[in-house]
Structure formats: structure tokens, C-alpha cells
Amino acid sequence: MRVAVTGATGLVGGRVVEAARAAGHDVVAVTRPGSGDPGAPLLVGGLPVPRRTADLTDQGALVAALEGCDGLVHCAAVYAFGAARAQEVSRVNGDGTRSVLAAAARAGVRRAVVTSSSVTRGSSGAARSRTEHDVLGDEPAPAYYASKVAQEEVTLEASSAHGIPVVLALPTVVLGGPFARLAPSNAIVLRYLLDPTRSTFPGGCNVVDVRDVGAGHVALLERGTPGERYLLGGEDVTWRTLHTLVSDLAGLPGPFAELDAPNAWAVAAASEWWASLTGASPLSTRDEATTVGRFYWYSSAKATDLGYAARPARAAVASSLAWLAVGPDLPRWAREGLRLHPEVRAARELVPAPLVEADAVSPRPRRSPPAWPRRRR
């Protein structure tokens, strides 16, 4: 099957490309204009993937990008919190999906998977795992959550209108790499690394390794039932358990105090204020703080019946730390304070660099990657 993957430069999209290729499919990466040379292949996992460029609002370009493809995995979306990006989140996640599916039908695509989110199944005040049968109720719901609910509605409407079978993938909190842009999921780990108080929260979430999410999308493309939702999660953990895993794997003390929702909201407000002064993106937002104390726990039993499997939370956290520890988002002062567990080092995959002819480039100084922080003995 020839499979087109939108959002192929993103955290999930890149892993979908790798998983689809590993499953024997021909893959075409569909990227937005300005994300790279449209005439050059996209390097994913060190290997070139044919690239086609199209904006989500350009029907003609989308049809051309999807021409000749049998399957589509639509991962392109805006994953962000906060009032500043609420309109963008709604427009891209809803209208963008409608546009892509209409183009897919015109291009003759026979089957599609659309990446939504587990948050559309809501959360619980008590520790229990939710399923695809649950819905988002009258609980706190940031604009991102609402955009994903709307995206699912748009997906099912477009599927019916255009006669294209579509399966919905609902990942939980996705950890790991590689990533070019820090998403709120890996930012959860980074935020704890930068917190001098090593605070935690009541409630919990479900965390999953992005490699498993990538493979899960391919399973849904191949064997999922059209019109159905499938949760792609890993392990349910309390916030204290998650932060304890980060501490152990990063060689840090904690966690210590537990912040309730009002205190978490105050900290997030301060983070947003500081970001407005510095021009940076806030590590936490008041939108996210409204969800503190609730349990975002989910069962992936339905996807498991299709062969889906996920690593434990510890492995997902190790994968996230492996990429954060050598990435630009972790300041040097924080990196030097880490004493990484061997599991973190083992989680970082070695990616072969493309070979370049010696006379094809001008000589330049070799830059060394950031050193791995040492583990205490």
C-alpha cells in the first residue's frame, strides 16, 4: 500500500512514517510549505522519504500530494494550550481535517486514519480507566480538547459525505522523540526537570511511547474498523508516580509537595506572564492547570485486539529523557545537574547520518553534541 502521512515532521507523524515503512508500505511524507526543500526527500530515521508539499487549505495542492496513494494517515494538527493559540487550534484541527479528507476522496484514497486525542473521552474524578464509550462531559475542557471533539465530528461527517472509510486514533500523553518542536506532552517531563521545588499534583494520566503510537496507527490503517475510535495508550499512572519515575531516571530528588488546582493555576499564570516578557512559549498554561486533580486514565483493550502493544510508563519516560537530555529545550544548567540512569542512555536510538561526498561541501568545524550527563555511582 502507498501511504501518505500528513504532519510527517511532527513527533507522531515521523514515527508513523517509520512504522509504515517497517510494515512494508511505500510512504509519502506530506509537509506544509516552508518546512523544508519541497524537491528534496524528508529524512526520517536517517533514511529518505519522498516528500510532497501542501497547505491544509489548498485543495489543489492536497489532491496532487495524495494522488496515487491508497491510504492516508492524517497527523497534521496544532497541539497547544492557552488563549493565544485557541483560534489556530480550532481552525487547523477542524477545518484542516475537513479539507484533507475531501482532497483524499478526490485523489482516490481508499482508506484513512485521523489522529485525534484521548481527551475526547473525558476524565474522571476517581481513579478509573475510561474507554471509547466514554465522552467529554461538563468537566474543565481547554480549547485544545474542544478542537479534538470537533475534529472527530468533522471526520465522521466527511467520511460519510465523501464515501471514504476513516478510523480515529486517540493517543494518550505521547512521550519520546525525535522532535523538532517541544509539544505539551514532552514538556510535562521538561517542566519537572526545571522545577526547583520538584512539585507533583493529585490525579493522573496515561503515558505512552511514541514508537508504540506510530505502530498503532499502522495497525488501525490495516485492520481498524471504519467509523470506530481506538485509544492508543500505555500505562495509567498518578502524577506522583510519573514524577517519581522522572526523578529516578534523571538522578534527581523528589517529588515533594503536591500542588492542588488553585496553586497549579497560580504557577501557570506566572509561567505565562514570564513567557510574555521573554517571547518564549510557556511551559505550563492556565488551561492545563484547570485539569489538575482529575484522572486521564484510559484502556487500550480495543486496539490490543488488533495487535497493538505498548511499553510500560518507565520506558516511555526514559525515551523522553533520552531526547530532552541532548536537545535544545533543556538549559545547560539543568542538563549538568542530571545523573541519567543507564536505561535512559539505552533508550536513545542511534540514527545513521546520510553520507556526503567529501568535495560536495566546504570544510567546517565539527560540532560535538551535548555530552550525556553522568550517572552517580
Foldseek 3Di string as FASTA:
>chain_A
DEEEEEPCQFFLNLLLQVLCVVVPYQYEYEYEPPPDDQVFFDQRLQDGHHYAYDDLVDLVSLLVSLAPGQEYEYPDADFDFDPVCLVVRLCCLAVSLLSNLVSNLVNNHAEYEYEAALCQQPFALDDDATEQPHGHDPAQDTSNNVSRVNSLVSNVVSCVVSVHFYEYEHEWLEFFDDGPDDHLSLLLLVVQLPDPQSEWFAAWTFYFYSNLSSNLRVLCRVPNGGPYYFYRTADIDTRQVLSVLSCVQFVHDDDDHYDYLVVLLVVQVVQVVVCVVVVHDRSHHSSVSSCTSIYHHHDRVVSVVSVRHTDHSSLRSLNRCLNVLQDPVRDPVSSQPTAGDVSSVVNDDDRDHDDDDPPPDDDDDDDDTDDHHHHDD
